[in-house]
Amino acid sequence: MRLRLLALLSLTALIAVACDPGDPIDPEDPTAEVEETPPVDEEPDDPAEPTAGGTLVAAIGGDPDQLDPHTTTSSFAFTVLENIYDTLVQPASDLTMEPALAESWEVSDDLLTWTFNLRQDVSFHDGTEFTAEDVVASFERIAEEGENAFRLDAIEEYVIVDDHTVQFELNRVAPNLLEQIGPFAGLAIAPAAAIEAGTLADEPVGTGAFQFVSFTPGDSVEIERNPDYWGGEVPLDGIRFQVIPDEGVKLTSLETGEVDWIDSVPPEQVDGLAGRDDVVLGQVAGNDYWYMALNNDREPFDDERVRRAIAFALDIDVITEAAKFDAATPNETAIPETSFWYHDYAPFGHDPAQAETLLEEAGVSDLTIDLMVSGEFPETVTAAQIIESQLGAVGITVEIRDEDFSTWLADQGEGEFDAFALGWLGNIDPDDFYYAQHHSEGAFNFHGFSDAELDTLLDDARVETDEDTRKELYDAAAERIVDQASYIYFYNPDIVTAWAPDVQGYEVAPHGQRRFNNVSLDR
């Protein structure tokens, strides 16, 4: 799960830049080679003259749980790791996938063999050469023990053609393969030797613009410029990621010059920051979604009527306003309206009378719900307080359990909850929004939802190469998920960050990555 969450992940860009983003694979010519394009981290056409040097102080809201990119699910960890590691391909600002460590690729006539041509003269931070062996070692490790193993289930075998060519042999057609292997640092390429030694959790080693220096839990993570970065010169000397859990303190620290960049802005402060000279506000519509899940393995939440009653009792407009003010869009489905894959479907609204009717039909009264949230994601606590009030109006008692995120993750994995609220971050392809969470065998279906018809829709959609047919399948899947309240969706938040005026070159990405390759300090 990418809860970044972790969390983060082109609108079916099937052969990267070889075809128009979102077009289906052309069965007459599916093998066109993708031409190399400049890396996304190149300087813009008319950049401000960077000031080389300096250390950026970036405030993040919590401690990374660890620094192993393959096994962490922490958004705070990924904020750091996305600057240390690279993936084979990476999302551009328009969410199409483009070259990164793979400079081009081809697809066979039967769509089952993908050949990736790797960049040459790329080295890891420890000085070792990047080769196909590292790609295979990384993906085999992810498949065996990584948190994103589910993204690789279409890959049957890896074949090393030579040091800079690797083939992926698939067990099924996978029109979204690029979106699965390159959305964020959870799919990072690490050195085969470090994987073998088991040292990545303590000593992350990548090919990215910055290299690891130190991690002081509860305080900070420090990284420094990679002088041999394949993507070009890196202006900053380094970055110190300062852990500041309180959003208000983070903003004050930015205003007073103690930090240069903050990973989030208190929602109530967003409007007031716009137009200020002493703070730069970055805000774009994102592909994240926030939601509540009910434990289908516990009574009475195994009864669809009870789940639907709770959905009817909630007013997601009020939840959205309380949690995010004007920096989010209410949505009863997961995929935001900015996406081609959006489906306009909202069957619940706010209908407490219907909620009470359904509870009565189910024979449920005096219901108490243990709702698990984490204060490390403050909006979940705010949402929980509104949920408590709204469900109280239909006779349901909500007991809010605020856990640190590591405990939250452990309890989620063990099914120790009646309900939980959180977000799923960094989604790109529709499969990212639905399969792992709602398929009966989904890797992150912790709430135990199972529906045979939905399983069929999701299985068919992930192998469908015709774009329009694929969308029809996902629209139908979304309706079944919503109608049965597998998740109760709240909103799609904007991606909002802020930084000091002397920070130059930072761009807010809709997929949620925080990369500082081109950032400089004008001091």
Protein backbone atom coordinates (compact mmCIF):
# COMPACT_ATOMS: atom_id res chain seq x y z
CA MET A 1 0.00 0.00 0.00
CA ARG A 2 1.28 3.32 -0.70
CA LEU A 3 0.28 5.19 2.39
CA ARG A 4 2.42 8.00 1.94
CA LEU A 5 1.21 6.48 1.85
CA LEU A 6 1.77 5.28 1.06
CA ALA A 7 1.60 5.86 -0.60
CA LEU A 8 1.76 6.91 -4.91
CA LEU A 9 1.22 5.42 -8.71
CA SER A 10 -0.11 7.49 -16.73
CA LEU A 11 -3.40 7.08 -17.80
CA THR A 12 -2.54 3.78 -19.52
CA ALA A 13 0.60 5.09 -21.18
CA LEU A 14 1.17 1.65 -22.58
CA ILE A 15 4.47 2.11 -24.31
CA ALA A 16 5.66 5.32 -22.66
CA VAL A 17 6.32 8.07 -25.16
CA ALA A 18 5.87 5.80 -28.18
CA CYS A 19 2.17 6.63 -28.40
CA ASP A 20 -0.27 9.25 -27.32
CA PRO A 21 -0.82 8.95 -23.55
CA GLY A 22 -3.90 6.92 -22.76
CA ASP A 23 -4.18 5.37 -26.24
CA PRO A 24 -4.69 1.59 -26.36
CA ILE A 25 -1.94 -0.65 -27.68
CA ASP A 26 -2.26 -0.77 -31.46
CA PRO A 27 -2.55 -4.48 -32.33
CA GLU A 28 -1.17 -3.68 -35.78
CA ASP A 29 2.04 -2.17 -34.37
CA PRO A 30 2.51 -2.75 -30.63
CA THR A 31 6.27 -2.96 -30.81
CA ALA A 32 7.34 0.53 -31.73
CA GLU A 33 10.53 1.41 -29.88
CA VAL A 34 10.32 4.25 -27.39
CA GLU A 35 12.79 6.97 -28.19
CA GLU A 36 14.86 8.37 -25.38
CA THR A 37 13.57 11.64 -24.00
CA PRO A 38 15.41 14.03 -21.71
CA PRO A 39 15.07 13.13 -18.04
CA VAL A 40 12.32 15.01 -16.24
CA ASP A 41 14.86 16.55 -13.94
CA GLU A 42 16.41 18.68 -16.69
CA GLU A 43 16.32 22.39 -16.06
CA PRO A 44 13.29 24.20 -17.49
CA ASP A 45 13.65 26.14 -20.73
CA ASP A 46 14.05 29.46 -18.99
CA PRO A 47 15.21 28.74 -15.46
CA ALA A 48 16.26 31.27 -12.90
CA GLU A 49 20.02 31.29 -12.50
CA PRO A 50 20.61 28.79 -9.66
CA THR A 51 22.77 29.59 -6.70
CA ALA A 52 24.98 26.54 -6.26
CA GLY A 53 25.38 25.20 -2.78
CA GLY A 54 23.56 25.49 0.49
CA THR A 55 21.58 23.02 2.57
CA LEU A 56 17.80 23.02 2.29
CA VAL A 57 15.95 22.42 5.55
CA ALA A 58 12.75 20.53 4.74
CA ALA A 59 10.19 19.91 7.49
CA ILE A 60 8.30 16.60 7.41
CA GLY A 61 5.45 15.62 9.67
CA GLY A 62 6.81 12.39 11.10
CA ASP A 63 9.71 9.99 11.42
CA PRO A 64 10.46 7.56 8.60
CA ASP A 65 9.76 4.12 10.04
CA GLN A 66 12.88 2.92 8.20
CA LEU A 67 14.85 3.77 5.06
CA ASP A 68 14.52 0.55 3.07
CA PRO A 69 12.53 1.58 -0.03
CA HIS A 70 11.20 -1.90 -0.70
CA THR A 71 9.72 -2.58 2.73
CA THR A 72 8.57 0.81 4.03
CA THR A 73 5.03 2.14 3.60
CA SER A 74 5.69 5.50 5.27
CA SER A 75 5.06 8.67 3.29
CA PHE A 76 7.73 10.38 5.41
CA ALA A 77 10.26 7.73 4.40
CA PHE A 78 9.36 8.13 0.73
CA THR A 79 9.81 11.91 0.91
CA VAL A 80 13.45 11.17 1.73
CA LEU A 81 13.94 8.09 -0.44
CA GLU A 82 12.59 9.61 -3.65
CA ASN A 83 15.67 11.83 -3.61
CA ILE A 84 18.07 8.93 -3.06
CA TYR A 85 16.71 6.33 -5.47
CA ASP A 86 15.55 6.08 -9.08
CA THR A 87 13.11 3.73 -10.78
CA LEU A 88 13.21 2.27 -14.30
CA VAL A 89 10.57 4.74 -15.47
CA GLN A 90 9.01 7.67 -13.65
CA PRO A 91 5.85 9.77 -13.77
CA ALA A 92 6.01 13.12 -15.52
CA SER A 93 3.94 16.09 -14.41
CA ASP A 94 1.08 14.98 -16.68
CA LEU A 95 1.20 11.48 -15.11
CA THR A 96 2.49 9.80 -18.26
CA MET A 97 5.44 7.50 -17.67
CA GLU A 98 8.79 8.44 -19.13
CA PRO A 99 12.37 7.16 -19.08
CA ALA A 100 14.47 7.15 -15.93
CA LEU A 101 17.07 4.38 -15.47
CA ALA A 102 15.58 2.71 -18.54
CA GLU A 103 16.16 5.03 -21.49
CA SER A 104 13.88 3.14 -23.90
CA TRP A 105 11.86 -0.06 -24.23
CA GLU A 106 10.10 -2.28 -26.74
CA VAL A 107 7.13 -4.64 -26.52
CA SER A 108 6.73 -7.93 -28.40
CA ASP A 109 3.89 -8.67 -30.85
CA ASP A 110 2.07 -10.79 -28.27
CA LEU A 111 2.54 -8.05 -25.61
CA LEU A 112 4.15 -10.56 -23.25
CA THR A 113 7.83 -9.58 -23.55
CA TRP A 114 9.02 -6.11 -22.55
CA THR A 115 12.66 -5.27 -23.30
CA PHE A 116 14.21 -2.39 -21.34
CA ASN A 117 17.36 -0.67 -22.57
CA LEU A 118 19.20 0.71 -19.55
CA ARG A 119 21.23 3.87 -19.26
CA GLN A 120 24.98 3.37 -19.40
CA ASP A 121 27.62 5.12 -17.33
CA VAL A 122 25.31 5.30 -14.29
CA SER A 123 26.79 4.47 -10.89
CA PHE A 124 25.38 3.91 -7.43
CA HIS A 125 26.40 6.14 -4.54
CA ASP A 126 28.89 3.49 -3.41
CA GLY A 127 30.67 3.73 -6.77
CA THR A 128 29.48 0.43 -8.23
CA GLU A 129 28.19 0.39 -11.81
CA PHE A 130 24.44 0.16 -12.43
CA THR A 131 23.63 -2.92 -14.56
CA ALA A 132 20.79 -5.26 -15.45
CA GLU A 133 21.79 -7.47 -12.52
CA ASP A 134 20.72 -4.71 -10.11
CA VAL A 135 17.34 -4.40 -11.84
CA VAL A 136 16.66 -8.11 -11.52
CA ALA A 137 17.89 -8.28 -7.93
CA SER A 138 15.68 -5.33 -6.96
CA PHE A 139 12.50 -6.65 -8.58
CA GLU A 140 13.06 -10.19 -7.30
CA ARG A 141 13.44 -8.82 -3.79
CA ILE A 142 10.32 -6.68 -4.10
CA ALA A 143 8.38 -9.70 -5.37
CA GLU A 144 9.60 -11.86 -2.49
CA GLU A 145 9.43 -9.51 0.49
CA GLY A 146 8.48 -6.01 -0.62
CA GLU A 147 5.36 -4.08 0.27
CA ASN A 148 4.66 -3.60 -3.44
CA ALA A 149 4.99 -7.22 -4.54
CA PHE A 150 1.42 -7.10 -5.84
CA ARG A 151 2.51 -4.65 -8.55
CA LEU A 152 4.76 -7.28 -10.10
CA ASP A 153 2.40 -10.25 -10.28
CA ALA A 154 2.21 -10.05 -14.10
CA ILE A 155 5.96 -10.67 -14.39
CA GLU A 156 6.86 -14.34 -14.77
CA GLU A 157 10.59 -14.10 -15.40
CA TYR A 158 13.46 -11.64 -15.73
CA VAL A 159 16.06 -12.27 -18.44
CA ILE A 160 19.41 -10.47 -18.48
CA VAL A 161 20.28 -9.98 -22.16
CA ASP A 162 23.49 -8.07 -21.41
CA ASP A 163 24.74 -5.62 -18.81
CA HIS A 164 22.40 -2.89 -20.03
CA THR A 165 19.43 -4.83 -21.40
CA VAL A 166 16.82 -6.73 -19.41
CA GLN A 167 13.63 -8.47 -20.52
CA PHE A 168 10.46 -8.96 -18.50
CA GLU A 169 8.52 -12.08 -19.53
CA LEU A 170 4.86 -11.70 -18.51
CA ASN A 171 2.28 -14.31 -17.57
CA ARG A 172 -0.55 -12.11 -18.86
CA VAL A 173 -1.04 -8.94 -20.86
CA ALA A 174 -0.39 -5.93 -18.62
CA PRO A 175 -1.36 -2.63 -20.30
CA ASN A 176 -0.42 -0.76 -17.12
CA LEU A 177 3.01 -2.36 -16.59
CA LEU A 178 4.87 0.95 -16.73
CA GLU A 179 2.60 2.47 -14.08
CA GLN A 180 3.25 -0.54 -11.87
CA ILE A 181 7.03 -0.60 -12.07
CA GLY A 182 7.84 3.09 -11.84
CA PRO A 183 5.42 5.21 -9.84
CA PHE A 184 7.49 5.86 -6.70
CA ALA A 185 10.49 4.75 -4.64
CA GLY A 186 8.78 1.57 -3.47
CA LEU A 187 9.93 0.19 -6.83
CA ALA A 188 13.45 1.61 -6.48
CA ILE A 189 16.50 0.04 -8.07
CA ALA A 190 19.18 -0.79 -5.46
CA PRO A 191 22.59 -2.46 -5.84
CA ALA A 192 22.49 -6.24 -6.00
CA ALA A 193 25.39 -6.40 -3.53
CA ALA A 194 23.57 -4.27 -0.93
CA ILE A 195 20.45 -6.39 -1.33
CA GLU A 196 22.51 -9.52 -0.77
CA ALA A 197 24.16 -7.95 2.29
CA GLY A 198 20.82 -6.84 3.75
CA THR A 199 22.04 -3.33 4.54
CA LEU A 200 19.46 -1.09 2.83
CA ALA A 201 17.44 -0.33 5.96
CA ASP A 202 20.42 1.32 7.62
CA GLU A 203 22.46 2.43 4.62
CA PRO A 204 20.27 3.30 1.62
CA VAL A 205 22.27 3.29 -1.62
CA GLY A 206 20.73 4.49 -4.86
CA THR A 207 21.52 6.29 -8.09
CA GLY A 208 19.54 9.44 -7.26
CA ALA A 209 20.48 13.10 -7.03
CA PHE A 210 21.31 12.84 -3.30
CA GLN A 211 23.10 10.27 -1.18
CA PHE A 212 22.47 9.24 2.40
CA VAL A 213 24.45 10.79 5.27
CA SER A 214 22.65 10.09 8.56
CA PHE A 215 19.34 9.34 10.26
CA THR A 216 18.62 10.47 13.82
CA PRO A 217 15.20 9.02 14.75
CA GLY A 218 12.86 11.60 16.17
CA ASP A 219 14.95 14.44 14.81
CA SER A 220 16.20 14.43 11.23
CA VAL A 221 17.54 12.71 8.14
CA GLU A 222 20.46 14.23 6.25
CA ILE A 223 21.39 13.66 2.61
CA GLU A 224 24.01 15.31 0.41
CA ARG A 225 24.54 16.03 -3.29
CA ASN A 226 25.50 13.12 -5.53
CA PRO A 227 28.34 14.65 -7.59
CA ASP A 228 28.02 11.90 -10.23
CA TYR A 229 24.25 12.08 -10.73
CA TRP A 230 23.32 10.84 -14.22
CA GLY A 231 20.52 13.42 -14.50
CA GLY A 232 22.83 16.44 -14.46
CA GLU A 233 24.26 18.89 -11.96
CA VAL A 234 22.48 19.12 -8.61
CA PRO A 235 22.50 22.71 -7.27
CA LEU A 236 22.04 21.98 -3.54
CA ASP A 237 24.85 20.81 -1.28
CA GLY A 238 22.34 18.77 0.66
CA ILE A 239 19.01 18.52 2.47
CA ARG A 240 18.16 18.11 6.14
CA PHE A 241 14.70 16.62 6.63
CA GLN A 242 13.61 17.96 10.01
CA VAL A 243 10.87 16.06 11.81
CA ILE A 244 8.16 18.48 13.03
CA PRO A 245 4.87 16.64 13.73
CA ASP A 246 2.72 19.69 14.53
CA GLU A 247 1.44 21.40 11.37
CA GLY A 248 1.12 24.76 13.06
CA VAL A 249 4.70 24.59 14.32
CA LYS A 250 5.87 23.61 10.85
CA LEU A 251 4.25 26.69 9.32
CA THR A 252 5.62 28.97 12.03
CA SER A 253 9.08 27.50 11.47
CA LEU A 254 8.78 28.37 7.78
CA GLU A 255 7.61 31.91 8.53
CA THR A 256 10.49 32.51 10.93
CA GLY A 257 13.10 31.09 8.56
CA GLU A 258 13.98 28.04 10.66
CA VAL A 259 13.02 25.77 7.75
CA ASP A 260 12.90 26.35 3.99
CA TRP A 261 10.13 23.95 2.92
CA ILE A 262 7.24 22.15 4.61
CA ASP A 263 5.51 18.99 3.43
CA SER A 264 1.99 20.17 4.29
CA VAL A 265 0.04 23.26 5.26
CA PRO A 266 -2.71 23.46 7.89
CA PRO A 267 -5.89 23.44 5.76
CA GLU A 268 -7.32 26.48 7.51
CA GLN A 269 -4.20 28.44 6.54
CA VAL A 270 -4.20 27.74 2.80
CA ASP A 271 -6.34 30.68 1.70
CA GLY A 272 -4.46 33.08 3.95
CA LEU A 273 -1.09 32.07 2.52
CA ALA A 274 -2.08 32.70 -1.08
CA GLY A 275 -0.54 35.90 -2.38
CA ARG A 276 1.85 36.45 0.52
CA ASP A 277 5.33 37.69 -0.30
CA ASP A 278 7.13 35.85 2.48
CA VAL A 279 5.78 32.36 1.70
CA VAL A 280 5.30 30.55 -1.61
CA LEU A 281 2.23 28.30 -1.67
CA GLY A 282 2.23 25.31 -4.01
CA GLN A 283 -1.15 23.69 -4.69
CA VAL A 284 -2.32 21.28 -7.40
CA ALA A 285 -5.18 18.82 -7.69
CA GLY A 286 -3.87 15.42 -6.62
CA ASN A 287 -4.65 11.77 -7.29
CA ASP A 288 -4.87 10.79 -3.63
CA TYR A 289 -8.06 9.78 -1.87
CA TRP A 290 -9.12 9.56 1.78
CA TYR A 291 -11.65 7.09 3.09
CA MET A 292 -12.96 4.89 5.88
CA ALA A 293 -13.02 1.08 5.82
CA LEU A 294 -15.19 -1.19 7.98
CA ASN A 295 -13.98 -4.62 9.07
CA ASN A 296 -16.04 -7.13 7.07
CA ASP A 297 -14.62 -9.94 9.22
CA ARG A 298 -16.45 -8.59 12.29
CA GLU A 299 -20.15 -8.46 12.98
CA PRO A 300 -22.18 -6.46 12.15
CA PHE A 301 -19.94 -4.94 9.48
CA ASP A 302 -20.16 -8.14 7.45
CA ASP A 303 -23.74 -7.04 6.70
CA GLU A 304 -23.86 -4.82 3.63
CA ARG A 305 -26.90 -3.00 5.07
CA VAL A 306 -24.89 -1.84 8.07
CA ARG A 307 -22.04 -0.56 5.92
CA ARG A 308 -24.49 1.24 3.64
CA ALA A 309 -26.29 2.72 6.66
CA ILE A 310 -23.03 4.23 7.85
CA ALA A 311 -22.39 5.63 4.37
CA PHE A 312 -25.84 7.22 4.29
CA ALA A 313 -25.33 8.71 7.76
CA LEU A 314 -22.13 10.51 6.78
CA ASP A 315 -22.05 13.92 5.12
CA ILE A 316 -18.79 13.88 3.18
CA ASP A 317 -19.14 17.57 2.28
CA VAL A 318 -18.92 18.42 5.97
CA ILE A 319 -16.09 15.94 6.54
CA THR A 320 -14.16 17.44 3.63
CA GLU A 321 -14.68 21.02 4.79
CA ALA A 322 -13.58 20.17 8.34
CA ALA A 323 -10.52 18.18 7.29
CA LYS A 324 -9.31 20.18 4.30
CA PHE A 325 -11.35 23.41 4.01
CA ASP A 326 -11.19 24.38 0.31
CA ALA A 327 -8.19 22.18 -0.48
CA ALA A 328 -10.09 19.03 -1.44
CA THR A 329 -13.04 17.83 -3.53
CA PRO A 330 -15.70 15.53 -2.03
CA ASN A 331 -16.01 12.30 -4.02
CA GLU A 332 -17.97 9.12 -3.32
CA THR A 333 -15.64 7.19 -5.64
CA ALA A 334 -11.85 7.07 -5.43
CA ILE A 335 -10.69 8.45 -8.78
CA PRO A 336 -10.67 12.28 -8.98
CA GLU A 337 -12.62 14.24 -11.57
CA THR A 338 -9.36 15.46 -13.14
CA SER A 339 -8.65 11.92 -14.39
CA PHE A 340 -9.84 10.26 -17.60
CA TRP A 341 -10.88 7.33 -15.38
CA TYR A 342 -13.23 9.39 -13.20
CA HIS A 343 -16.78 8.04 -12.90
CA ASP A 344 -19.50 10.42 -11.76
CA TYR A 345 -21.33 8.23 -9.27
CA ALA A 346 -22.70 9.36 -5.90
CA PRO A 347 -25.55 7.16 -4.62
CA PHE A 348 -25.44 8.07 -0.94
CA GLY A 349 -25.47 11.80 -0.33
CA HIS A 350 -26.49 12.47 3.27
CA ASP A 351 -29.64 10.62 4.32
CA PRO A 352 -29.82 9.82 8.07
CA ALA A 353 -33.39 8.54 7.72
CA GLN A 354 -32.26 5.92 5.20
CA ALA A 355 -29.41 5.02 7.54
CA GLU A 356 -31.81 4.40 10.40
CA THR A 357 -34.06 2.29 8.16
CA LEU A 358 -31.18 0.08 7.08
CA LEU A 359 -29.95 -0.39 10.66
CA GLU A 360 -33.45 -1.41 11.69
CA GLU A 361 -33.68 -3.89 8.79
CA ALA A 362 -30.37 -5.37 9.87
CA GLY A 363 -31.55 -5.66 13.46
CA VAL A 364 -28.69 -3.50 14.73
CA SER A 365 -29.00 -1.09 17.63
CA ASP A 366 -26.68 0.34 20.29
CA LEU A 367 -23.76 -0.13 17.92
CA THR A 368 -20.30 1.01 19.05
CA ILE A 369 -17.47 1.41 16.52
CA ASP A 370 -13.76 1.39 17.34
CA LEU A 371 -12.41 3.86 14.76
CA MET A 372 -8.63 3.72 14.34
CA VAL A 373 -6.79 6.85 13.14
CA SER A 374 -3.29 8.30 13.41
CA GLY A 375 -2.40 11.77 14.63
CA GLU A 376 0.60 11.64 12.30
CA PHE A 377 -2.02 12.29 9.62
CA PRO A 378 -4.03 15.03 11.39
CA GLU A 379 -6.87 15.08 8.88
CA THR A 380 -7.84 11.55 9.94
CA VAL A 381 -8.36 12.78 13.50
CA THR A 382 -10.43 15.73 12.32
CA ALA A 383 -12.50 13.48 10.06
CA ALA A 384 -13.02 11.03 12.93
CA GLN A 385 -14.44 13.78 15.13
CA ILE A 386 -17.02 14.66 12.47
CA ILE A 387 -17.78 10.98 11.90
CA GLU A 388 -18.36 10.57 15.64
CA SER A 389 -20.90 13.40 15.60
CA GLN A 390 -22.70 12.31 12.43
CA LEU A 391 -22.99 8.65 13.40
CA GLY A 392 -24.10 9.67 16.87
CA ALA A 393 -27.13 11.27 15.23
CA VAL A 394 -28.31 7.81 14.08
CA GLY A 395 -27.54 6.08 17.37
CA ILE A 396 -24.05 4.79 16.63
CA THR A 397 -21.31 5.43 19.18
CA VAL A 398 -17.81 6.03 17.81
CA GLU A 399 -14.75 5.50 20.00
CA ILE A 400 -11.77 7.22 18.36
CA ARG A 401 -8.46 5.38 18.79
CA ASP A 402 -5.49 7.58 17.87
CA GLU A 403 -2.39 5.44 17.29
CA ASP A 404 1.14 6.26 16.22
CA PHE A 405 1.45 5.19 12.62
CA SER A 406 3.65 2.14 13.20
CA THR A 407 1.06 0.78 15.65
CA TRP A 408 -1.72 1.73 13.22
CA LEU A 409 -0.07 -0.31 10.48
CA ALA A 410 0.45 -3.30 12.74
CA ASP A 411 -3.18 -3.29 13.94
CA GLN A 412 -4.43 -2.87 10.39
CA GLY A 413 -2.39 -5.87 9.26
CA GLU A 414 -3.72 -8.00 12.13
CA GLY A 415 -7.34 -6.91 11.60
CA GLU A 416 -7.45 -5.30 15.06
CA PHE A 417 -10.09 -2.68 14.28
CA ASP A 418 -13.78 -2.13 13.66
CA ALA A 419 -12.96 0.68 11.26
CA PHE A 420 -10.02 2.79 10.18
CA ALA A 421 -9.60 6.05 8.32
CA LEU A 422 -6.63 6.98 6.18
CA GLY A 423 -5.59 7.87 2.63
CA TRP A 424 -4.17 6.04 -0.34
CA LEU A 425 -1.56 8.21 -2.00
CA GLY A 426 0.21 8.51 -5.34
CA ASN A 427 -2.24 6.64 -7.57
CA ILE A 428 -1.98 6.84 -11.36
CA ASP A 429 -3.62 3.88 -13.13
CA PRO A 430 -7.17 2.78 -12.14
CA ASP A 431 -5.77 -0.56 -11.04
CA ASP A 432 -3.89 1.39 -8.35
CA PHE A 433 -7.17 2.67 -6.93
CA TYR A 434 -9.09 -0.58 -6.73
CA TYR A 435 -7.39 -3.96 -7.18
CA ALA A 436 -5.16 -4.38 -4.14
CA GLN A 437 -7.78 -2.83 -1.87
CA HIS A 438 -11.00 -4.55 -3.00
CA HIS A 439 -10.22 -7.77 -4.88
CA SER A 440 -10.86 -10.71 -2.58
CA GLU A 441 -7.19 -11.68 -2.96
CA GLY A 442 -5.90 -8.10 -2.95
CA ALA A 443 -2.69 -7.55 -1.04
CA PHE A 444 -4.16 -4.65 0.96
CA ASN A 445 -7.70 -5.87 1.42
CA PHE A 446 -7.23 -5.73 5.19
CA HIS A 447 -10.95 -5.17 5.79
CA GLY A 448 -11.89 -8.55 4.31
CA PHE A 449 -14.21 -7.47 1.52
CA SER A 450 -15.17 -10.16 -1.01
CA ASP A 451 -17.43 -9.99 -4.06
CA ALA A 452 -17.09 -12.49 -6.93
CA GLU A 453 -18.54 -10.14 -9.56
CA LEU A 454 -16.14 -7.38 -8.57
CA ASP A 455 -13.22 -9.83 -8.72
CA THR A 456 -14.16 -10.65 -12.32
CA LEU A 457 -14.45 -6.99 -13.29
CA LEU A 458 -11.07 -6.14 -11.79
CA ASP A 459 -9.38 -9.19 -13.32
CA ASP A 460 -10.78 -8.36 -16.76
CA ALA A 461 -9.99 -4.65 -16.55
CA ARG A 462 -6.31 -5.10 -15.75
CA VAL A 463 -5.70 -7.08 -18.98
CA GLU A 464 -7.96 -5.05 -21.28
CA THR A 465 -6.00 -3.06 -23.89
CA ASP A 466 -8.87 -1.09 -25.40
CA GLU A 467 -9.13 2.15 -23.44
CA ASP A 468 -12.89 2.65 -23.75
CA THR A 469 -13.70 -0.94 -22.82
CA ARG A 470 -11.28 -0.74 -19.92
CA LYS A 471 -12.99 2.37 -18.60
CA GLU A 472 -16.41 0.69 -18.81
CA LEU A 473 -15.09 -2.16 -16.70
CA TYR A 474 -13.63 0.18 -14.08
CA ASP A 475 -16.82 2.25 -13.98
CA ALA A 476 -18.78 -0.91 -13.22
CA ALA A 477 -16.22 -1.94 -10.62
CA ALA A 478 -16.41 1.46 -8.94
CA GLU A 479 -20.18 1.18 -8.65
CA ARG A 480 -19.99 -2.22 -6.97
CA ILE A 481 -17.33 -1.00 -4.54
CA VAL A 482 -19.36 2.08 -3.62
CA ASP A 483 -22.76 0.35 -3.52
CA GLN A 484 -21.48 -2.27 -1.09
CA ALA A 485 -19.45 0.27 0.89
CA SER A 486 -16.25 -1.72 0.70
CA TYR A 487 -14.64 1.66 1.31
CA ILE A 488 -16.61 4.78 2.20
CA TYR A 489 -14.81 7.48 0.24
CA PHE A 490 -14.55 11.06 1.48
CA TYR A 491 -12.53 13.29 -0.84
CA ASN A 492 -9.61 13.86 -3.19
CA PRO A 493 -7.22 16.36 -1.56
CA ASP A 494 -5.09 18.89 -3.35
CA ILE A 495 -1.34 18.46 -2.97
CA VAL A 496 -0.38 21.50 -0.89
CA THR A 497 3.10 22.46 0.25
CA ALA A 498 4.86 25.74 0.97
CA TRP A 499 8.39 27.08 0.87
CA ALA A 500 10.47 30.19 1.36
CA PRO A 501 10.82 32.67 -1.53
CA ASP A 502 14.54 31.97 -1.85
CA VAL A 503 13.82 28.33 -2.72
CA GLN A 504 13.95 28.20 -6.52
CA GLY A 505 12.94 25.41 -8.90
CA TYR A 506 10.61 23.34 -6.71
CA GLU A 507 7.48 22.01 -8.44
CA VAL A 508 4.44 20.40 -6.81
CA ALA A 509 3.63 17.09 -8.52
CA PRO A 510 0.06 15.72 -8.73
CA HIS A 511 1.35 12.21 -8.02
CA GLY A 512 2.77 13.47 -4.73
CA GLN A 513 6.50 12.89 -5.20
CA ARG A 514 8.77 15.40 -3.45
CA ARG A 515 11.98 15.70 -5.47
CA PHE A 516 14.61 18.39 -5.08
CA ASN A 517 16.93 17.61 -8.02
CA ASN A 518 16.57 21.06 -9.57
CA VAL A 519 16.08 23.13 -6.43
CA SER A 520 18.51 25.90 -5.60
CA LEU A 521 18.72 28.52 -2.84
CA ASP A 522 18.81 32.17 -3.92
CA ARG A 523 20.80 33.45 -0.96
